[in-house]
N, C-alpha and C. Protein backbone atom coordinates (compact mmCIF):
# COMPACT_ATOMS: atom_id res chain seq x y z
N MET A 1 0.83 -1.20 0.02
CA MET A 1 0.01 0.02 0.01
C MET A 1 0.86 1.27 -0.02
N ASN A 2 1.77 1.39 0.98
CA ASN A 2 2.67 2.57 1.10
C ASN A 2 1.96 3.92 0.87
N SER A 3 1.38 4.40 1.92
CA SER A 3 0.74 5.70 1.89
C SER A 3 1.72 6.84 1.88
N LYS A 4 1.23 8.03 1.57
CA LYS A 4 2.06 9.22 1.63
C LYS A 4 2.49 9.50 3.08
N VAL A 5 3.59 10.12 3.25
CA VAL A 5 4.11 10.43 4.59
C VAL A 5 3.34 11.61 5.10
N PHE A 6 2.81 11.50 6.31
CA PHE A 6 2.23 12.58 6.99
C PHE A 6 3.18 13.06 8.08
N GLN A 7 3.34 14.38 8.26
CA GLN A 7 4.31 14.84 9.25
C GLN A 7 3.80 16.05 10.02
N THR A 8 4.35 16.19 11.20
CA THR A 8 4.06 17.31 12.06
C THR A 8 5.37 17.64 12.82
N HIS A 9 5.35 18.78 13.49
CA HIS A 9 6.55 19.25 14.20
C HIS A 9 6.19 19.52 15.65
N ILE A 10 7.11 19.26 16.56
CA ILE A 10 6.93 19.57 17.97
C ILE A 10 8.22 20.08 18.52
N THR A 11 8.10 20.80 19.63
CA THR A 11 9.28 21.22 20.44
C THR A 11 9.21 20.44 21.73
N VAL A 12 10.32 19.83 22.06
CA VAL A 12 10.38 18.98 23.30
C VAL A 12 10.14 19.85 24.54
N PRO A 13 9.04 19.58 25.28
CA PRO A 13 8.77 20.37 26.48
C PRO A 13 9.58 19.81 27.70
N LYS A 14 9.71 20.64 28.70
CA LYS A 14 10.39 20.23 29.90
C LYS A 14 9.77 19.01 30.54
N SER A 15 8.43 18.91 30.41
CA SER A 15 7.70 17.75 31.01
C SER A 15 8.08 16.41 30.38
N ALA A 16 8.70 16.45 29.23
CA ALA A 16 9.08 15.17 28.57
C ALA A 16 10.46 14.66 29.03
N ILE A 17 11.19 15.45 29.82
CA ILE A 17 12.55 15.13 30.19
C ILE A 17 12.56 14.28 31.46
N ASP A 18 13.44 13.26 31.44
CA ASP A 18 13.57 12.34 32.58
C ASP A 18 14.79 12.66 33.46
N ASP A 19 15.11 11.80 34.35
CA ASP A 19 16.23 11.99 35.29
C ASP A 19 17.60 11.99 34.60
N MET A 20 17.61 11.49 33.36
CA MET A 20 18.88 11.46 32.63
C MET A 20 19.03 12.70 31.70
N ASN A 21 18.10 13.66 31.85
CA ASN A 21 18.06 14.92 31.10
C ASN A 21 17.89 14.76 29.58
N HIS A 22 17.15 13.69 29.23
CA HIS A 22 16.71 13.55 27.85
C HIS A 22 15.24 13.09 27.85
N VAL A 23 14.67 12.97 26.67
CA VAL A 23 13.27 12.62 26.56
C VAL A 23 13.07 11.20 27.07
N ASN A 24 12.08 11.01 27.95
CA ASN A 24 11.75 9.76 28.52
C ASN A 24 11.17 8.86 27.40
N ASN A 25 11.52 7.59 27.41
CA ASN A 25 11.04 6.64 26.40
C ASN A 25 9.55 6.58 26.25
N VAL A 26 8.84 6.76 27.33
CA VAL A 26 7.37 6.75 27.32
C VAL A 26 6.81 7.88 26.47
N MET A 27 7.51 9.02 26.40
CA MET A 27 7.05 10.16 25.63
C MET A 27 7.10 9.82 24.15
N TYR A 28 8.09 9.10 23.72
CA TYR A 28 8.18 8.73 22.30
C TYR A 28 6.98 7.91 21.93
N LEU A 29 6.61 6.96 22.80
CA LEU A 29 5.43 6.12 22.57
C LEU A 29 4.18 6.99 22.48
N GLN A 30 4.05 7.96 23.36
CA GLN A 30 2.88 8.87 23.32
C GLN A 30 2.87 9.64 22.00
N TRP A 31 4.01 10.13 21.55
CA TRP A 31 4.08 10.85 20.30
C TRP A 31 3.73 10.01 19.09
N VAL A 32 4.13 8.70 19.16
CA VAL A 32 3.80 7.75 18.09
C VAL A 32 2.27 7.64 17.99
N GLN A 33 1.66 7.52 19.10
CA GLN A 33 0.18 7.36 19.14
C GLN A 33 -0.50 8.70 18.71
N GLU A 34 0.06 9.82 19.17
CA GLU A 34 -0.57 11.11 18.86
C GLU A 34 -0.49 11.44 17.36
N ILE A 35 0.63 11.14 16.70
CA ILE A 35 0.68 11.44 15.27
C ILE A 35 -0.22 10.49 14.45
N ALA A 36 -0.35 9.25 14.92
CA ALA A 36 -1.24 8.32 14.21
C ALA A 36 -2.70 8.86 14.33
N LYS A 37 -3.09 9.32 15.52
CA LYS A 37 -4.40 9.88 15.66
C LYS A 37 -4.61 11.13 14.83
N LYS A 38 -3.62 12.01 14.78
CA LYS A 38 -3.68 13.24 14.02
C LYS A 38 -3.82 12.90 12.52
N HIS A 39 -3.05 11.90 12.05
CA HIS A 39 -3.13 11.50 10.68
C HIS A 39 -4.56 11.00 10.34
N TRP A 40 -5.09 10.12 11.17
CA TRP A 40 -6.45 9.59 11.01
C TRP A 40 -7.48 10.74 10.96
N GLU A 41 -7.37 11.65 11.88
CA GLU A 41 -8.34 12.78 11.95
C GLU A 41 -8.22 13.71 10.77
N THR A 42 -7.06 13.89 10.18
CA THR A 42 -6.94 14.81 9.03
C THR A 42 -7.42 14.15 7.74
N LYS A 43 -7.47 12.80 7.73
CA LYS A 43 -7.87 12.11 6.49
C LYS A 43 -9.33 11.64 6.48
N THR A 44 -9.99 11.72 7.63
CA THR A 44 -11.36 11.22 7.76
C THR A 44 -12.32 12.26 8.14
N ASN A 45 -13.59 12.04 7.88
CA ASN A 45 -14.64 12.93 8.28
C ASN A 45 -15.30 12.42 9.59
N GLN A 46 -16.17 13.25 10.14
CA GLN A 46 -16.77 12.89 11.42
C GLN A 46 -17.60 11.58 11.35
N GLU A 47 -18.26 11.37 10.20
CA GLU A 47 -19.08 10.19 10.04
C GLU A 47 -18.20 8.88 10.17
N ILE A 48 -17.03 8.94 9.49
CA ILE A 48 -16.14 7.79 9.60
C ILE A 48 -15.60 7.63 11.00
N ARG A 49 -15.26 8.72 11.62
CA ARG A 49 -14.73 8.63 13.00
C ARG A 49 -15.80 8.21 13.98
N ASN A 50 -17.08 8.48 13.67
CA ASN A 50 -18.17 8.01 14.55
C ASN A 50 -18.46 6.53 14.31
N THR A 51 -18.02 5.95 13.23
CA THR A 51 -18.29 4.55 12.88
C THR A 51 -17.14 3.63 13.31
N TYR A 52 -15.89 4.08 13.18
CA TYR A 52 -14.75 3.21 13.43
C TYR A 52 -13.79 3.81 14.46
N VAL A 53 -13.05 2.91 15.09
CA VAL A 53 -12.02 3.28 16.03
C VAL A 53 -10.86 2.28 15.90
N TRP A 54 -9.65 2.75 16.23
CA TRP A 54 -8.45 1.92 16.11
C TRP A 54 -7.96 1.53 17.50
N VAL A 55 -7.43 0.33 17.62
CA VAL A 55 -6.76 -0.08 18.83
C VAL A 55 -5.40 -0.65 18.45
N VAL A 56 -4.40 -0.50 19.34
CA VAL A 56 -3.06 -0.97 19.10
C VAL A 56 -2.98 -2.44 19.51
N LEU A 57 -2.41 -3.23 18.59
CA LEU A 57 -2.09 -4.66 18.87
C LEU A 57 -0.69 -4.79 19.45
N ASN A 58 0.26 -4.00 18.82
CA ASN A 58 1.64 -4.05 19.36
C ASN A 58 2.42 -2.87 18.81
N HIS A 59 3.49 -2.57 19.60
CA HIS A 59 4.47 -1.54 19.10
C HIS A 59 5.83 -2.14 19.09
N TYR A 60 6.62 -1.78 18.12
CA TYR A 60 8.06 -2.09 18.10
C TYR A 60 8.80 -0.78 17.92
N ILE A 61 9.59 -0.42 18.91
CA ILE A 61 10.25 0.86 18.88
C ILE A 61 11.75 0.65 19.04
N GLU A 62 12.50 1.41 18.17
CA GLU A 62 13.99 1.43 18.28
C GLU A 62 14.39 2.84 18.65
N TYR A 63 15.22 2.98 19.67
CA TYR A 63 15.71 4.27 20.11
C TYR A 63 17.15 4.39 19.58
N HIS A 64 17.38 5.36 18.73
CA HIS A 64 18.67 5.54 18.09
C HIS A 64 19.52 6.60 18.75
N SER A 65 18.87 7.67 19.19
CA SER A 65 19.65 8.78 19.79
C SER A 65 18.64 9.62 20.63
N PRO A 66 19.12 10.23 21.66
CA PRO A 66 18.21 10.98 22.55
C PRO A 66 17.80 12.37 22.03
N ALA A 67 16.68 12.81 22.43
CA ALA A 67 16.22 14.21 22.22
C ALA A 67 16.33 14.94 23.56
N LEU A 68 16.56 16.24 23.46
CA LEU A 68 16.75 17.06 24.67
C LEU A 68 15.66 18.16 24.73
N GLU A 69 15.53 18.74 25.89
CA GLU A 69 14.56 19.82 26.07
C GLU A 69 14.78 20.92 25.03
N ASN A 70 13.70 21.39 24.49
CA ASN A 70 13.66 22.43 23.46
C ASN A 70 14.11 22.04 22.09
N ASP A 71 14.48 20.79 21.91
CA ASP A 71 14.82 20.29 20.51
C ASP A 71 13.58 20.38 19.69
N GLU A 72 13.76 20.75 18.42
CA GLU A 72 12.65 20.76 17.46
C GLU A 72 12.69 19.38 16.81
N LEU A 73 11.52 18.70 16.80
CA LEU A 73 11.42 17.33 16.22
C LEU A 73 10.43 17.32 15.09
N THR A 74 10.73 16.51 14.07
CA THR A 74 9.83 16.23 13.01
C THR A 74 9.32 14.82 13.24
N LEU A 75 8.00 14.69 13.29
CA LEU A 75 7.37 13.38 13.40
C LEU A 75 6.75 13.02 12.06
N GLN A 76 7.13 11.82 11.55
CA GLN A 76 6.51 11.37 10.28
C GLN A 76 5.92 10.02 10.50
N THR A 77 4.78 9.80 9.79
CA THR A 77 4.12 8.53 9.86
C THR A 77 3.52 8.15 8.53
N TRP A 78 3.41 6.89 8.27
CA TRP A 78 2.77 6.37 7.06
C TRP A 78 2.33 4.94 7.28
N ILE A 79 1.40 4.54 6.45
CA ILE A 79 0.86 3.16 6.50
C ILE A 79 1.62 2.35 5.52
N ASP A 80 2.25 1.26 5.98
CA ASP A 80 3.01 0.40 5.08
C ASP A 80 2.11 -0.56 4.35
N HIS A 81 1.23 -1.22 5.06
CA HIS A 81 0.29 -2.15 4.43
C HIS A 81 -0.89 -2.46 5.39
N HIS A 82 -1.88 -3.09 4.84
CA HIS A 82 -2.98 -3.53 5.69
C HIS A 82 -3.57 -4.84 5.08
N HIS A 83 -4.15 -5.64 5.97
CA HIS A 83 -4.79 -6.84 5.55
C HIS A 83 -5.90 -7.19 6.56
N GLY A 84 -7.09 -7.41 6.06
CA GLY A 84 -8.22 -7.67 6.92
C GLY A 84 -8.49 -6.44 7.79
N ALA A 85 -8.45 -6.63 9.08
CA ALA A 85 -8.72 -5.52 10.04
C ALA A 85 -7.44 -4.87 10.53
N LYS A 86 -6.29 -5.41 10.12
CA LYS A 86 -5.02 -4.93 10.67
C LYS A 86 -4.30 -3.99 9.69
N SER A 87 -3.63 -3.04 10.29
CA SER A 87 -2.84 -2.07 9.50
C SER A 87 -1.51 -1.80 10.19
N GLU A 88 -0.41 -1.88 9.37
CA GLU A 88 0.87 -1.62 9.91
C GLU A 88 1.31 -0.19 9.59
N ARG A 89 1.56 0.57 10.67
CA ARG A 89 1.91 1.98 10.54
C ARG A 89 3.37 2.17 11.04
N HIS A 90 4.13 2.96 10.30
CA HIS A 90 5.47 3.30 10.66
C HIS A 90 5.58 4.73 11.08
N THR A 91 6.47 5.00 12.03
CA THR A 91 6.70 6.38 12.54
C THR A 91 8.18 6.56 12.65
N LYS A 92 8.59 7.77 12.28
CA LYS A 92 10.01 8.16 12.43
C LYS A 92 9.99 9.50 13.14
N ILE A 93 10.85 9.64 14.18
CA ILE A 93 11.06 10.91 14.87
C ILE A 93 12.46 11.38 14.59
N ILE A 94 12.57 12.60 14.06
CA ILE A 94 13.81 13.14 13.57
C ILE A 94 14.14 14.47 14.26
N ASN A 95 15.39 14.69 14.61
CA ASN A 95 15.80 16.00 15.12
C ASN A 95 15.79 16.92 13.86
N THR A 96 14.95 17.94 13.89
CA THR A 96 14.76 18.79 12.71
C THR A 96 16.06 19.51 12.30
N SER A 97 16.84 19.99 13.26
CA SER A 97 18.05 20.75 12.88
C SER A 97 19.18 19.89 12.37
N THR A 98 19.33 18.69 12.93
CA THR A 98 20.44 17.83 12.48
C THR A 98 19.98 16.79 11.44
N GLN A 99 18.70 16.60 11.31
CA GLN A 99 18.10 15.57 10.45
C GLN A 99 18.49 14.16 10.89
N LYS A 100 18.95 13.99 12.13
CA LYS A 100 19.32 12.69 12.67
C LYS A 100 17.99 11.98 13.15
N THR A 101 17.88 10.67 12.74
CA THR A 101 16.72 9.90 13.15
C THR A 101 16.96 9.53 14.61
N LEU A 102 15.99 9.85 15.44
CA LEU A 102 16.08 9.57 16.89
C LEU A 102 15.36 8.26 17.23
N VAL A 103 14.22 8.07 16.62
CA VAL A 103 13.39 6.90 16.95
C VAL A 103 12.69 6.39 15.66
N THR A 104 12.59 5.07 15.54
CA THR A 104 11.74 4.46 14.49
C THR A 104 10.81 3.54 15.21
N ALA A 105 9.57 3.49 14.71
CA ALA A 105 8.58 2.64 15.33
C ALA A 105 7.72 2.01 14.29
N LYS A 106 7.26 0.81 14.60
CA LYS A 106 6.30 0.09 13.81
C LYS A 106 5.15 -0.32 14.71
N THR A 107 3.92 -0.01 14.32
CA THR A 107 2.81 -0.34 15.17
C THR A 107 1.73 -1.09 14.38
N MET A 108 1.23 -2.12 14.91
CA MET A 108 0.16 -2.87 14.30
C MET A 108 -1.15 -2.42 14.93
N TRP A 109 -2.03 -1.89 14.10
CA TRP A 109 -3.37 -1.35 14.57
C TRP A 109 -4.45 -2.29 14.09
N CYS A 110 -5.56 -2.33 14.81
CA CYS A 110 -6.73 -3.08 14.42
C CYS A 110 -7.94 -2.16 14.35
N LEU A 111 -8.65 -2.21 13.22
CA LEU A 111 -9.84 -1.39 13.05
C LEU A 111 -11.09 -2.07 13.67
N LEU A 112 -11.79 -1.32 14.50
CA LEU A 112 -13.03 -1.83 15.11
C LEU A 112 -14.25 -1.01 14.76
N TYR A 113 -15.41 -1.63 14.72
CA TYR A 113 -16.65 -0.84 14.70
C TYR A 113 -16.74 -0.17 16.07
N LYS A 114 -16.97 1.09 16.08
CA LYS A 114 -17.02 1.83 17.34
C LYS A 114 -18.19 1.36 18.25
N GLU A 115 -19.29 1.04 17.62
CA GLU A 115 -20.51 0.68 18.38
C GLU A 115 -20.34 -0.67 19.12
N THR A 116 -19.70 -1.63 18.46
CA THR A 116 -19.64 -2.99 19.00
C THR A 116 -18.23 -3.31 19.52
N LEU A 117 -17.25 -2.51 19.13
CA LEU A 117 -15.83 -2.78 19.47
C LEU A 117 -15.37 -4.16 18.95
N ARG A 118 -15.91 -4.55 17.82
CA ARG A 118 -15.52 -5.80 17.15
C ARG A 118 -14.72 -5.46 15.92
N PRO A 119 -13.67 -6.23 15.60
CA PRO A 119 -12.87 -6.00 14.43
C PRO A 119 -13.68 -6.00 13.13
N THR A 120 -13.26 -5.16 12.20
CA THR A 120 -13.90 -5.09 10.89
C THR A 120 -12.84 -4.92 9.81
N ARG A 121 -13.07 -5.49 8.68
CA ARG A 121 -12.12 -5.33 7.58
C ARG A 121 -11.93 -3.87 7.15
N ILE A 122 -10.73 -3.53 6.81
CA ILE A 122 -10.44 -2.19 6.30
C ILE A 122 -10.94 -2.17 4.85
N ASN A 123 -12.00 -1.40 4.65
CA ASN A 123 -12.61 -1.32 3.32
C ASN A 123 -11.87 -0.36 2.41
N LYS A 124 -12.29 -0.36 1.14
CA LYS A 124 -11.63 0.46 0.14
C LYS A 124 -11.77 1.93 0.45
N GLU A 125 -12.95 2.34 1.00
CA GLU A 125 -13.20 3.75 1.34
C GLU A 125 -12.13 4.27 2.31
N ILE A 126 -11.77 3.45 3.29
CA ILE A 126 -10.75 3.86 4.27
C ILE A 126 -9.34 3.77 3.71
N SER A 127 -9.03 2.64 3.01
CA SER A 127 -7.69 2.47 2.52
C SER A 127 -7.29 3.55 1.51
N THR A 128 -8.25 3.91 0.66
CA THR A 128 -7.89 4.93 -0.35
C THR A 128 -7.66 6.34 0.22
N LEU A 129 -8.14 6.60 1.42
CA LEU A 129 -7.92 7.87 2.05
C LEU A 129 -6.45 8.13 2.32
N PHE A 130 -5.66 7.06 2.45
CA PHE A 130 -4.29 7.19 2.86
C PHE A 130 -3.26 6.97 1.76
N LEU A 131 -3.75 6.83 0.51
CA LEU A 131 -2.83 6.63 -0.58
C LEU A 131 -2.23 7.92 -1.05
């Protein structure tokens, strides 16, 4: 499938810093989920969002280099492929000024009907939104 890359930018807040004076690993996971949600919300209308919801099946994250307070970061995400109710999304977090990749992540998501919370196949209407 390979969708277009969606990206956003953030500045690392003081609240993201841990005892080692760099971004806490949990924050990266939060950012991975936030950019996925933002991507979904920019590509879908309210009717679709009222019908479907996504849940995470698993995350695989690699930490390559730390981010520090006030660093400007570029967050990128794209959908690699989907099959049935599952969709594999990739995320990359980059230091904007150095262009160094700090984190790469792969997340398997499952599409559910919002009303029943039961898995449903990713239909053509949804998949074509991300091409």
